Amino acid sequence: MVSVEQAQHRSVPYFEDAPCYPAEKLVKLHGMRREMLAEEDSVRRERLVGEYLAFLDAMEKLPDAPSRVYLWQEGNMPSSGKYLENRDYRYNHDPEFRPYMYEFLLPEDAAPKGAVILCAGGDHGDCVIHEAYQSCLDFNRLGYQSFMLLNRTNRMPYTGQECGADAARLIRMLRKDAAKYRIPQNRVAFAGFSNGGLTGEECIRYYSGSRKVTDYFPDYVPDELDDYYGAPDAFLCVYGPRFAGSEIDYTGVVYPPVFFAVGMEDAALDNLHWVYRDLLEHGIRAEVHTFTGVPHGQAGVSLLGNFDYPNFELWLPLADAFMQRVYGN
């Protein structure tokens, strides 16, 4: 018999490869997963597992499904080497996971305002379809080239240096191919949601300024991408500030202007109170927007049919205005 944990683990690639499948089926799968995990009666739970697996078996990729773009050359990915097994399917990503991205590009006749990398929260999985996939579409509508990052997630079970290296790698890829994407090299923003926000700060913490991948992974062999700057030009931290009291060493860190969006009913607000003061004390430009009545994890949830917090959707035009001010427009 397939366990609930096995079934949900099997569905992870469907959520994380969201551009490859019909959105309405992913939304249905999202709801089925939540129902399956919440069911306490063993008989009903077994039935839901069977229905979930049958739905997965029937899922087909779109005819024009895009391909993953892997971030690292095979055999040359910086790694601590400490993650060796995924016992009891504790994590969404198995040890052999290779970070990758998807492109969401504007028409060739459009003039992009810049690039935004979107990184979902949690351990990724079904968070991806609303926080990263839908938000990529939202930033396309605002005039940005968008990129969905599937990285080694922050401290689940990777190190901050590993998850930050993946974010820095994609930033370097975009800078190298700036002409292809029709963007200035200095207009690459990183948007992280919840745990994805922690990933964004780990990228800044370990790979801004003059810091290099080899500073933390001496066995890594640099390539041409390592000649490009690896930290973002603007940081959008959406209900994802680090935990209150969690200090970082700012020595050598070049922290870009940062935009915060968080609901007033979100426990992350308590963290933000502390982090905001900490950033200001270090001379870092920060802008904060709070939203009445909004709990955690609400970015892009209109995709799921949740229209309870329309005020939170204002974070998108506010982030757009913030980036344009940072870029001098």
C-alpha atoms as a PDB file:
ATOM      1  CA  MET A   1       0.000   0.000   0.000  1.00  0.00           C
ATOM      2  CA  VAL A   2       1.278   3.455  -0.911  1.00  0.00           C
ATOM      3  CA  SER A   3       1.501   5.812   2.062  1.00  0.00           C
ATOM      4  CA  VAL A   4       0.296   9.411   2.108  1.00  0.00           C
ATOM      5  CA  GLU A   5       3.933  10.512   2.320  1.00  0.00           C
ATOM      6  CA  GLN A   6       4.899   8.463  -0.727  1.00  0.00           C
ATOM      7  CA  ALA A   7       1.950   9.765  -2.723  1.00  0.00           C
ATOM      8  CA  GLN A   8       2.619  13.411  -1.980  1.00  0.00           C
ATOM      9  CA  HIS A   9       6.340  12.959  -2.642  1.00  0.00           C
ATOM     10  CA  ARG A  10       5.544  11.509  -6.048  1.00  0.00           C
ATOM     11  CA  SER A  11       3.555  14.637  -6.933  1.00  0.00           C
ATOM     12  CA  VAL A  12       6.350  17.114  -6.156  1.00  0.00           C
ATOM     13  CA  PRO A  13       7.744  17.250  -9.738  1.00  0.00           C
ATOM     14  CA  TYR A  14       4.270  18.032 -11.090  1.00  0.00           C
ATOM     15  CA  PHE A  15       4.008  21.128  -8.900  1.00  0.00           C
ATOM     16  CA  GLU A  16       7.605  22.173  -9.451  1.00  0.00           C
ATOM     17  CA  ASP A  17       7.304  21.719 -13.226  1.00  0.00           C
ATOM     18  CA  ALA A  18       4.135  23.823 -13.207  1.00  0.00           C
ATOM     19  CA  PRO A  19       4.722  25.467 -16.633  1.00  0.00           C
ATOM     20  CA  CYS A  20       4.513  21.990 -18.190  1.00  0.00           C
ATOM     21  CA  TYR A  21       0.945  21.160 -17.085  1.00  0.00           C
ATOM     22  CA  PRO A  22      -2.535  22.696 -17.382  1.00  0.00           C
ATOM     23  CA  ALA A  23      -2.978  25.156 -14.513  1.00  0.00           C
ATOM     24  CA  GLU A  24      -6.502  23.969 -13.705  1.00  0.00           C
ATOM     25  CA  LYS A  25      -5.253  20.414 -13.148  1.00  0.00           C
ATOM     26  CA  LEU A  26      -2.468  21.604 -10.867  1.00  0.00           C
ATOM     27  CA  VAL A  27      -5.011  23.570  -8.851  1.00  0.00           C
ATOM     28  CA  LYS A  28      -7.172  20.457  -8.500  1.00  0.00           C
ATOM     29  CA  LEU A  29      -4.115  18.410  -7.530  1.00  0.00           C
ATOM     30  CA  HIS A  30      -3.235  21.044  -4.912  1.00  0.00           C
ATOM     31  CA  GLY A  31      -6.667  20.717  -3.338  1.00  0.00           C
ATOM     32  CA  MET A  32      -6.575  16.910  -3.427  1.00  0.00           C
ATOM     33  CA  ARG A  33      -3.190  16.915  -1.709  1.00  0.00           C
ATOM     34  CA  ARG A  34      -4.376  19.161   1.099  1.00  0.00           C
ATOM     35  CA  GLU A  35      -7.477  16.995   1.608  1.00  0.00           C
ATOM     36  CA  MET A  36      -5.420  13.802   1.601  1.00  0.00           C
ATOM     37  CA  LEU A  37      -2.930  15.096   4.172  1.00  0.00           C
ATOM     38  CA  ALA A  38      -5.674  16.398   6.450  1.00  0.00           C
ATOM     39  CA  GLU A  39      -7.760  13.200   6.504  1.00  0.00           C
ATOM     40  CA  GLU A  40      -7.459  11.305   9.798  1.00  0.00           C
ATOM     41  CA  ASP A  41      -9.744   8.341   9.099  1.00  0.00           C
ATOM     42  CA  SER A  42      -7.565   5.514   7.734  1.00  0.00           C
ATOM     43  CA  VAL A  43     -10.185   4.100   5.362  1.00  0.00           C
ATOM     44  CA  ARG A  44     -11.041   7.454   3.809  1.00  0.00           C
ATOM     45  CA  ARG A  45      -7.363   8.378   3.706  1.00  0.00           C
ATOM     46  CA  GLU A  46      -6.526   5.209   1.757  1.00  0.00           C
ATOM     47  CA  ARG A  47      -9.295   6.018  -0.724  1.00  0.00           C
ATOM     48  CA  LEU A  48      -7.985   9.557  -1.164  1.00  0.00           C
ATOM     49  CA  VAL A  49      -4.458   8.250  -1.747  1.00  0.00           C
ATOM     50  CA  GLY A  50      -5.774   5.999  -4.520  1.00  0.00           C
ATOM     51  CA  GLU A  51      -7.663   8.868  -6.142  1.00  0.00           C
ATOM     52  CA  TYR A  52      -4.605  11.094  -5.872  1.00  0.00           C
ATOM     53  CA  LEU A  53      -2.337   8.549  -7.560  1.00  0.00           C
ATOM     54  CA  ALA A  54      -4.897   7.925 -10.304  1.00  0.00           C
ATOM     55  CA  PHE A  55      -5.072  11.651 -10.971  1.00  0.00           C
ATOM     56  CA  LEU A  56      -1.279  11.804 -11.209  1.00  0.00           C
ATOM     57  CA  ASP A  57      -1.245   8.885 -13.651  1.00  0.00           C
ATOM     58  CA  ALA A  58      -3.691  10.731 -15.886  1.00  0.00           C
ATOM     59  CA  MET A  59      -1.711  13.985 -15.913  1.00  0.00           C
ATOM     60  CA  GLU A  60      -0.122  14.749 -19.282  1.00  0.00           C
ATOM     61  CA  LYS A  61       2.328  17.465 -20.184  1.00  0.00           C
ATOM     62  CA  LEU A  62       1.263  20.280 -22.458  1.00  0.00           C
ATOM     63  CA  PRO A  63       2.211  19.810 -26.132  1.00  0.00           C
ATOM     64  CA  ASP A  64       4.496  22.851 -25.952  1.00  0.00           C
ATOM     65  CA  ALA A  65       5.828  22.127 -22.458  1.00  0.00           C
ATOM     66  CA  PRO A  66       9.133  23.910 -21.788  1.00  0.00           C
ATOM     67  CA  SER A  67      12.256  22.112 -20.665  1.00  0.00           C
ATOM     68  CA  ARG A  68      14.103  22.537 -17.403  1.00  0.00           C
ATOM     69  CA  VAL A  69      17.211  24.705 -17.556  1.00  0.00           C
ATOM     70  CA  TYR A  70      19.674  23.220 -15.091  1.00  0.00           C
ATOM     71  CA  LEU A  71      21.902  25.661 -13.225  1.00  0.00           C
ATOM     72  CA  TRP A  72      25.085  23.663 -12.730  1.00  0.00           C
ATOM     73  CA  GLN A  73      27.205  21.547 -14.998  1.00  0.00           C
ATOM     74  CA  GLU A  74      26.805  17.904 -14.060  1.00  0.00           C
ATOM     75  CA  GLY A  75      29.542  16.853 -11.654  1.00  0.00           C
ATOM     76  CA  ASN A  76      30.454  20.422 -10.727  1.00  0.00           C
ATOM     77  CA  MET A  77      27.774  21.624  -8.325  1.00  0.00           C
ATOM     78  CA  PRO A  78      29.013  23.107  -5.034  1.00  0.00           C
ATOM     79  CA  SER A  79      27.742  20.886  -2.253  1.00  0.00           C
ATOM     80  CA  SER A  80      28.399  20.152   1.390  1.00  0.00           C
ATOM     81  CA  GLY A  81      27.907  16.453   0.689  1.00  0.00           C
ATOM     82  CA  LYS A  82      26.036  15.995   3.973  1.00  0.00           C
ATOM     83  CA  TYR A  83      22.577  15.239   2.550  1.00  0.00           C
ATOM     84  CA  LEU A  84      22.702  11.526   1.682  1.00  0.00           C
ATOM     85  CA  GLU A  85      19.226  10.056   2.227  1.00  0.00           C
ATOM     86  CA  ASN A  86      15.609  11.177   2.325  1.00  0.00           C
ATOM     87  CA  ARG A  87      14.347   8.890   5.046  1.00  0.00           C
ATOM     88  CA  ASP A  88      10.538   8.634   5.277  1.00  0.00           C
ATOM     89  CA  TYR A  89      10.196  11.200   2.463  1.00  0.00           C
ATOM     90  CA  ARG A  90      10.871  13.976   4.927  1.00  0.00           C
ATOM     91  CA  TYR A  91      11.985  16.412   2.214  1.00  0.00           C
ATOM     92  CA  ASN A  92      10.487  17.215  -1.174  1.00  0.00           C
ATOM     93  CA  HIS A  93      13.894  17.006  -2.848  1.00  0.00           C
ATOM     94  CA  ASP A  94      15.909  13.803  -2.815  1.00  0.00           C
ATOM     95  CA  PRO A  95      19.719  13.924  -2.492  1.00  0.00           C
ATOM     96  CA  GLU A  96      20.134  13.598  -6.280  1.00  0.00           C
ATOM     97  CA  PHE A  97      18.068  16.747  -6.927  1.00  0.00           C
ATOM     98  CA  ARG A  98      19.648  19.175  -9.410  1.00  0.00           C
ATOM     99  CA  PRO A  99      18.574  22.850  -9.214  1.00  0.00           C
ATOM    100  CA  TYR A 100      16.947  24.289 -12.320  1.00  0.00           C
ATOM    101  CA  MET A 101      14.823  27.145 -13.602  1.00  0.00           C
ATOM    102  CA  TYR A 102      12.059  27.997 -16.062  1.00  0.00           C
ATOM    103  CA  GLU A 103      11.841  31.122 -18.202  1.00  0.00           C
ATOM    104  CA  PHE A 104       8.715  33.271 -18.528  1.00  0.00           C
ATOM    105  CA  LEU A 105       9.631  35.661 -21.323  1.00  0.00           C
ATOM    106  CA  LEU A 106       7.907  38.673 -22.837  1.00  0.00           C
ATOM    107  CA  PRO A 107       7.176  38.925 -26.575  1.00  0.00           C
ATOM    108  CA  GLU A 108      10.154  39.900 -28.702  1.00  0.00           C
ATOM    109  CA  ASP A 109       8.638  43.296 -29.486  1.00  0.00           C
ATOM    110  CA  ALA A 110       8.338  44.207 -25.781  1.00  0.00           C
ATOM    111  CA  ALA A 111      10.909  46.296 -23.922  1.00  0.00           C
ATOM    112  CA  PRO A 112      11.425  44.590 -20.516  1.00  0.00           C
ATOM    113  CA  LYS A 113      11.824  46.728 -17.402  1.00  0.00           C
ATOM    114  CA  GLY A 114      14.277  44.169 -15.990  1.00  0.00           C
ATOM    115  CA  ALA A 115      14.329  40.599 -14.693  1.00  0.00           C
ATOM    116  CA  VAL A 116      12.743  39.093 -11.579  1.00  0.00           C
ATOM    117  CA  ILE A 117      13.677  35.693 -10.146  1.00  0.00           C
ATOM    118  CA  LEU A 118      10.846  34.062  -8.170  1.00  0.00           C
ATOM    119  CA  CYS A 119      11.598  31.552  -5.383  1.00  0.00           C
ATOM    120  CA  ALA A 120       8.693  29.855  -3.572  1.00  0.00           C
ATOM    121  CA  GLY A 121       8.599  29.182   0.138  1.00  0.00           C
ATOM    122  CA  GLY A 122       8.568  26.094   2.311  1.00  0.00           C
ATOM    123  CA  ASP A 123      10.225  23.021   0.904  1.00  0.00           C
ATOM    124  CA  HIS A 124       8.820  24.094  -2.501  1.00  0.00           C
ATOM    125  CA  GLY A 125       6.373  21.415  -3.743  1.00  0.00           C
ATOM    126  CA  ASP A 126       2.834  22.759  -4.073  1.00  0.00           C
ATOM    127  CA  CYS A 127       3.886  26.234  -2.852  1.00  0.00           C
ATOM    128  CA  VAL A 128       5.415  26.701  -6.287  1.00  0.00           C
ATOM    129  CA  ILE A 129       2.183  26.946  -8.260  1.00  0.00           C
ATOM    130  CA  HIS A 130       0.918  30.127  -6.608  1.00  0.00           C
ATOM    131  CA  GLU A 131       3.996  31.767  -5.091  1.00  0.00           C
ATOM    132  CA  ALA A 132       6.392  31.237  -8.010  1.00  0.00           C
ATOM    133  CA  TYR A 133       4.437  30.146 -11.113  1.00  0.00           C
ATOM    134  CA  GLN A 134       1.555  32.622 -10.726  1.00  0.00           C
ATOM    135  CA  SER A 135       3.895  35.376  -9.587  1.00  0.00           C
ATOM    136  CA  CYS A 136       6.038  34.866 -12.690  1.00  0.00           C
ATOM    137  CA  LEU A 137       2.935  35.478 -14.797  1.00  0.00           C
ATOM    138  CA  ASP A 138       2.095  38.530 -12.670  1.00  0.00           C
ATOM    139  CA  PHE A 139       5.522  40.073 -13.221  1.00  0.00           C
ATOM    140  CA  ASN A 140       5.290  39.349 -16.944  1.00  0.00           C
ATOM    141  CA  ARG A 141       2.112  41.442 -16.966  1.00  0.00           C
ATOM    142  CA  LEU A 142       4.023  44.212 -15.201  1.00  0.00           C
ATOM    143  CA  GLY A 143       6.675  44.187 -17.943  1.00  0.00           C
ATOM    144  CA  TYR A 144       9.455  42.002 -16.498  1.00  0.00           C
ATOM    145  CA  GLN A 145      11.233  38.926 -17.763  1.00  0.00           C
ATOM    146  CA  SER A 146      10.462  36.335 -15.079  1.00  0.00           C
ATOM    147  CA  PHE A 147      12.381  33.252 -13.979  1.00  0.00           C
ATOM    148  CA  MET A 148      11.159  30.510 -11.672  1.00  0.00           C
ATOM    149  CA  LEU A 149      13.905  29.097  -9.470  1.00  0.00           C
ATOM    150  CA  LEU A 150      13.804  25.527  -8.142  1.00  0.00           C
ATOM    151  CA  ASN A 151      16.764  25.525  -5.801  1.00  0.00           C
ATOM    152  CA  ARG A 152      18.060  23.597  -2.842  1.00  0.00           C
ATOM    153  CA  THR A 153      15.808  25.056  -0.174  1.00  0.00           C
ATOM    154  CA  ASN A 154      17.133  26.978   2.774  1.00  0.00           C
ATOM    155  CA  ARG A 155      18.104  24.705   5.682  1.00  0.00           C
ATOM    156  CA  MET A 156      15.748  21.952   4.494  1.00  0.00           C
ATOM    157  CA  PRO A 157      18.160  20.054   4.575  1.00  0.00           C
ATOM    158  CA  TYR A 158      20.809  22.142   2.827  1.00  0.00           C
ATOM    159  CA  THR A 159      23.180  24.814   4.104  1.00  0.00           C
ATOM    160  CA  GLY A 160      22.681  28.527   3.571  1.00  0.00           C
ATOM    161  CA  GLN A 161      25.755  28.522   1.343  1.00  0.00           C
ATOM    162  CA  GLU A 162      24.197  25.855  -0.906  1.00  0.00           C
ATOM    163  CA  CYS A 163      20.794  27.480  -1.322  1.00  0.00           C
ATOM    164  CA  GLY A 164      22.433  30.890  -1.752  1.00  0.00           C
ATOM    165  CA  ALA A 165      24.801  29.489  -4.385  1.00  0.00           C
ATOM    166  CA  ASP A 166      21.848  28.328  -6.494  1.00  0.00           C
ATOM    167  CA  ALA A 167      20.261  31.783  -6.376  1.00  0.00           C
ATOM    168  CA  ALA A 168      23.600  33.428  -7.209  1.00  0.00           C
ATOM    169  CA  ARG A 169      24.105  31.015 -10.103  1.00  0.00           C
ATOM    170  CA  LEU A 170      20.824  31.996 -11.735  1.00  0.00           C
ATOM    171  CA  ILE A 171      21.578  35.692 -11.215  1.00  0.00           C
ATOM    172  CA  ARG A 172      24.915  35.180 -12.979  1.00  0.00           C
ATOM    173  CA  MET A 173      23.191  33.343 -15.836  1.00  0.00           C
ATOM    174  CA  LEU A 174      20.842  36.284 -16.368  1.00  0.00           C
ATOM    175  CA  ARG A 175      23.660  38.830 -16.284  1.00  0.00           C
ATOM    176  CA  LYS A 176      25.656  36.823 -18.815  1.00  0.00           C
ATOM    177  CA  ASP A 177      22.642  36.572 -21.137  1.00  0.00           C
ATOM    178  CA  ALA A 178      21.369  40.100 -20.512  1.00  0.00           C
ATOM    179  CA  ALA A 179      21.454  40.915 -24.244  1.00  0.00           C
ATOM    180  CA  LYS A 180      19.431  37.794 -25.029  1.00  0.00           C
ATOM    181  CA  TYR A 181      16.829  38.793 -22.443  1.00  0.00           C
ATOM    182  CA  ARG A 182      16.946  42.480 -23.549  1.00  0.00           C
ATOM    183  CA  ILE A 183      17.677  43.738 -20.033  1.00  0.00           C
ATOM    184  CA  PRO A 184      20.471  45.824 -18.484  1.00  0.00           C
ATOM    185  CA  GLN A 185      22.884  43.669 -16.478  1.00  0.00           C
ATOM    186  CA  ASN A 186      22.166  45.756 -13.365  1.00  0.00           C
ATOM    187  CA  ARG A 187      18.395  45.149 -13.281  1.00  0.00           C
ATOM    188  CA  VAL A 188      18.109  41.668 -11.824  1.00  0.00           C
ATOM    189  CA  ALA A 189      15.812  41.382  -8.804  1.00  0.00           C
ATOM    190  CA  PHE A 190      15.233  38.413  -6.517  1.00  0.00           C
ATOM    191  CA  ALA A 191      11.759  37.798  -5.047  1.00  0.00           C
ATOM    192  CA  GLY A 192      11.576  35.224  -2.267  1.00  0.00           C
ATOM    193  CA  PHE A 193       8.427  34.097  -0.484  1.00  0.00           C
ATOM    194  CA  SER A 194       8.588  32.906   3.138  1.00  0.00           C
ATOM    195  CA  ASN A 195      11.489  30.427   3.182  1.00  0.00           C
ATOM    196  CA  GLY A 196      12.368  31.709  -0.297  1.00  0.00           C
ATOM    197  CA  GLY A 197      12.974  35.091   1.321  1.00  0.00           C
ATOM    198  CA  LEU A 198      15.578  33.467   3.546  1.00  0.00           C
ATOM    199  CA  THR A 199      17.176  32.049   0.396  1.00  0.00           C
ATOM    200  CA  GLY A 200      17.386  35.557  -1.046  1.00  0.00           C
ATOM    201  CA  GLU A 201      19.187  36.841   2.023  1.00  0.00           C
ATOM    202  CA  GLU A 202      21.572  33.858   2.038  1.00  0.00           C
ATOM    203  CA  CYS A 203      22.474  34.759  -1.544  1.00  0.00           C
ATOM    204  CA  ILE A 204      23.249  38.314  -0.451  1.00  0.00           C
ATOM    205  CA  ARG A 205      24.990  37.206   2.728  1.00  0.00           C
ATOM    206  CA  TYR A 206      27.382  34.780   1.060  1.00  0.00           C
ATOM    207  CA  TYR A 207      27.724  35.949  -2.554  1.00  0.00           C
ATOM    208  CA  SER A 208      27.559  39.750  -2.591  1.00  0.00           C
ATOM    209  CA  GLY A 209      30.598  41.998  -2.728  1.00  0.00           C
ATOM    210  CA  SER A 210      33.751  40.111  -3.661  1.00  0.00           C
ATOM    211  CA  ARG A 211      32.743  36.743  -2.201  1.00  0.00           C
ATOM    212  CA  LYS A 212      33.056  33.677  -4.396  1.00  0.00           C
ATOM    213  CA  VAL A 213      31.669  30.142  -4.455  1.00  0.00           C
ATOM    214  CA  THR A 214      35.155  28.771  -3.806  1.00  0.00           C
ATOM    215  CA  ASP A 215      35.254  30.663  -0.507  1.00  0.00           C
ATOM    216  CA  TYR A 216      32.852  28.028   0.836  1.00  0.00           C
ATOM    217  CA  PHE A 217      33.344  25.128  -1.588  1.00  0.00           C
ATOM    218  CA  PRO A 218      37.071  24.824  -2.397  1.00  0.00           C
ATOM    219  CA  ASP A 219      36.495  21.758  -4.613  1.00  0.00           C
ATOM    220  CA  TYR A 220      34.207  23.686  -6.948  1.00  0.00           C
ATOM    221  CA  VAL A 221      35.759  24.508 -10.347  1.00  0.00           C
ATOM    222  CA  PRO A 222      34.766  28.052 -11.440  1.00  0.00           C
ATOM    223  CA  ASP A 223      33.565  28.641 -14.988  1.00  0.00           C
ATOM    224  CA  GLU A 224      32.751  31.721 -17.077  1.00  0.00           C
ATOM    225  CA  LEU A 225      29.570  32.475 -15.120  1.00  0.00           C
ATOM    226  CA  ASP A 226      31.585  33.051 -11.960  1.00  0.00           C
ATOM    227  CA  ASP A 227      32.985  36.229 -13.529  1.00  0.00           C
ATOM    228  CA  TYR A 228      29.560  37.842 -13.163  1.00  0.00           C
ATOM    229  CA  TYR A 229      28.195  39.401  -9.981  1.00  0.00           C
ATOM    230  CA  GLY A 230      26.058  36.938  -8.018  1.00  0.00           C
ATOM    231  CA  ALA A 231      23.820  39.080  -5.768  1.00  0.00           C
ATOM    232  CA  PRO A 232      20.607  40.842  -6.845  1.00  0.00           C
ATOM    233  CA  ASP A 233      20.225  44.548  -7.589  1.00  0.00           C
ATOM    234  CA  ALA A 234      16.937  44.627  -5.677  1.00  0.00           C
ATOM    235  CA  PHE A 235      15.494  42.188  -3.144  1.00  0.00           C
ATOM    236  CA  LEU A 236      11.754  41.566  -2.759  1.00  0.00           C
ATOM    237  CA  CYS A 237      11.208  39.749   0.540  1.00  0.00           C
ATOM    238  CA  VAL A 238       7.575  38.647   0.697  1.00  0.00           C
ATOM    239  CA  TYR A 239       6.602  37.483   4.209  1.00  0.00           C
ATOM    240  CA  GLY A 240      10.089  35.979   4.494  1.00  0.00           C
ATOM    241  CA  PRO A 241      12.392  38.001   6.782  1.00  0.00           C
ATOM    242  CA  ARG A 242      14.887  36.073   8.879  1.00  0.00           C
ATOM    243  CA  PHE A 243      13.937  35.188  12.438  1.00  0.00           C
ATOM    244  CA  ALA A 244      14.087  37.890  15.097  1.00  0.00           C
ATOM    245  CA  GLY A 245      17.479  37.906  16.807  1.00  0.00           C
ATOM    246  CA  SER A 246      19.163  35.971  13.998  1.00  0.00           C
ATOM    247  CA  GLU A 247      22.138  38.204  13.361  1.00  0.00           C
ATOM    248  CA  ILE A 248      24.388  38.143  10.328  1.00  0.00           C
ATOM    249  CA  ASP A 249      27.914  39.454   9.887  1.00  0.00           C
ATOM    250  CA  TYR A 250      27.628  42.389   7.478  1.00  0.00           C
ATOM    251  CA  THR A 251      31.390  42.576   6.949  1.00  0.00           C
ATOM    252  CA  GLY A 252      31.957  42.626   3.184  1.00  0.00           C
ATOM    253  CA  VAL A 253      28.237  42.223   2.479  1.00  0.00           C
ATOM    254  CA  VAL A 254      26.745  44.547  -0.158  1.00  0.00           C
ATOM    255  CA  TYR A 255      23.063  44.478   0.725  1.00  0.00           C
ATOM    256  CA  PRO A 256      20.813  45.820  -2.076  1.00  0.00           C
ATOM    257  CA  PRO A 257      17.671  47.887  -1.470  1.00  0.00           C
ATOM    258  CA  VAL A 258      15.012  45.580  -0.022  1.00  0.00           C
ATOM    259  CA  PHE A 259      11.221  45.624  -0.257  1.00  0.00           C
ATOM    260  CA  PHE A 260       9.086  43.871   2.361  1.00  0.00           C
ATOM    261  CA  ALA A 261       5.440  42.824   2.025  1.00  0.00           C
ATOM    262  CA  VAL A 262       3.699  41.075   4.926  1.00  0.00           C
ATOM    263  CA  GLY A 263       0.158  40.652   6.251  1.00  0.00           C
ATOM    264  CA  MET A 264      -0.842  42.055   9.630  1.00  0.00           C
ATOM    265  CA  GLU A 265      -2.069  38.574  10.687  1.00  0.00           C
ATOM    266  CA  ASP A 266       1.219  36.928   9.715  1.00  0.00           C
ATOM    267  CA  ALA A 267       3.616  35.764  12.452  1.00  0.00           C
ATOM    268  CA  ALA A 268       6.434  36.865  10.124  1.00  0.00           C
ATOM    269  CA  LEU A 269       5.532  40.438  11.056  1.00  0.00           C
ATOM    270  CA  ASP A 270       7.193  39.931  14.454  1.00  0.00           C
ATOM    271  CA  ASN A 271      10.416  38.950  12.691  1.00  0.00           C
ATOM    272  CA  LEU A 272      10.160  41.930  10.376  1.00  0.00           C
ATOM    273  CA  HIS A 273       9.950  44.393  13.285  1.00  0.00           C
ATOM    274  CA  TRP A 274      13.410  43.224  14.378  1.00  0.00           C
ATOM    275  CA  VAL A 275      14.964  42.762  10.922  1.00  0.00           C
ATOM    276  CA  TYR A 276      13.856  46.197   9.687  1.00  0.00           C
ATOM    277  CA  ARG A 277      15.621  47.947  12.582  1.00  0.00           C
ATOM    278  CA  ASP A 278      18.691  45.770  12.072  1.00  0.00           C
ATOM    279  CA  LEU A 279      18.905  46.717   8.379  1.00  0.00           C
ATOM    280  CA  LEU A 280      18.436  50.418   9.062  1.00  0.00           C
ATOM    281  CA  GLU A 281      21.177  50.328  11.701  1.00  0.00           C
ATOM    282  CA  HIS A 282      23.517  49.069   8.975  1.00  0.00           C
ATOM    283  CA  GLY A 283      22.524  51.766   6.499  1.00  0.00           C
ATOM    284  CA  ILE A 284      20.502  49.480   4.247  1.00  0.00           C
ATOM    285  CA  ARG A 285      17.642  50.958   2.259  1.00  0.00           C
ATOM    286  CA  ALA A 286      14.397  49.191   3.152  1.00  0.00           C
ATOM    287  CA  GLU A 287      10.752  49.732   2.287  1.00  0.00           C
ATOM    288  CA  VAL A 288       7.932  48.022   4.230  1.00  0.00           C
ATOM    289  CA  HIS A 289       4.301  47.409   3.277  1.00  0.00           C
ATOM    290  CA  THR A 290       1.803  45.729   5.586  1.00  0.00           C
ATOM    291  CA  PHE A 291      -1.697  44.528   4.732  1.00  0.00           C
ATOM    292  CA  THR A 292      -4.641  44.492   7.134  1.00  0.00           C
ATOM    293  CA  GLY A 293      -6.198  41.125   7.927  1.00  0.00           C
ATOM    294  CA  VAL A 294      -3.840  39.057   5.761  1.00  0.00           C
ATOM    295  CA  PRO A 295      -2.274  35.811   7.071  1.00  0.00           C
ATOM    296  CA  HIS A 296       0.842  34.018   5.848  1.00  0.00           C
ATOM    297  CA  GLY A 297       1.386  32.614   2.359  1.00  0.00           C
ATOM    298  CA  GLN A 298      -1.114  34.616   0.300  1.00  0.00           C
ATOM    299  CA  ALA A 299       0.902  35.536  -2.800  1.00  0.00           C
ATOM    300  CA  GLY A 300      -0.735  34.319  -6.000  1.00  0.00           C
ATOM    301  CA  VAL A 301      -3.594  32.491  -4.253  1.00  0.00           C
ATOM    302  CA  SER A 302      -6.144  33.864  -6.717  1.00  0.00           C
ATOM    303  CA  LEU A 303      -4.893  31.012  -8.925  1.00  0.00           C
ATOM    304  CA  LEU A 304      -6.343  28.642  -6.320  1.00  0.00           C
ATOM    305  CA  GLY A 305      -9.679  30.417  -6.332  1.00  0.00           C
ATOM    306  CA  ASN A 306      -8.943  32.273  -3.093  1.00  0.00           C
ATOM    307  CA  PHE A 307     -10.059  35.894  -3.332  1.00  0.00           C
ATOM    308  CA  ASP A 308     -10.309  36.575   0.406  1.00  0.00           C
ATOM    309  CA  TYR A 309      -7.430  39.065   0.522  1.00  0.00           C
ATOM    310  CA  PRO A 310      -7.555  41.285  -2.570  1.00  0.00           C
ATOM    311  CA  ASN A 311      -5.652  43.997  -0.689  1.00  0.00           C
ATOM    312  CA  PHE A 312      -2.538  41.820  -0.614  1.00  0.00           C
ATOM    313  CA  GLU A 313      -2.369  41.788  -4.419  1.00  0.00           C
ATOM    314  CA  LEU A 314      -1.321  45.429  -4.152  1.00  0.00           C
ATOM    315  CA  TRP A 315       2.161  44.195  -3.251  1.00  0.00           C
ATOM    316  CA  LEU A 316       2.755  43.619  -6.986  1.00  0.00           C
ATOM    317  CA  PRO A 317       2.390  47.216  -8.273  1.00  0.00           C
ATOM    318  CA  LEU A 318       4.140  48.444  -5.122  1.00  0.00           C
ATOM    319  CA  ALA A 319       7.094  46.145  -5.854  1.00  0.00           C
ATOM    320  CA  ASP A 320       7.115  47.350  -9.452  1.00  0.00           C
ATOM    321  CA  ALA A 321       7.256  50.982  -8.301  1.00  0.00           C
ATOM    322  CA  PHE A 322      10.007  50.120  -5.801  1.00  0.00           C
ATOM    323  CA  MET A 323      12.197  48.487  -8.448  1.00  0.00           C
ATOM    324  CA  GLN A 324      11.740  51.379 -10.844  1.00  0.00           C
ATOM    325  CA  ARG A 325      12.810  53.836  -8.130  1.00  0.00           C
ATOM    326  CA  VAL A 326      15.856  51.680  -7.350  1.00  0.00           C
ATOM    327  CA  TYR A 327      16.740  51.590 -11.049  1.00  0.00           C
ATOM    328  CA  GLY A 328      16.304  55.362 -11.374  1.00  0.00           C
ATOM    329  CA  ASN A 329      13.129  55.464 -13.485  1.00  0.00           C
END
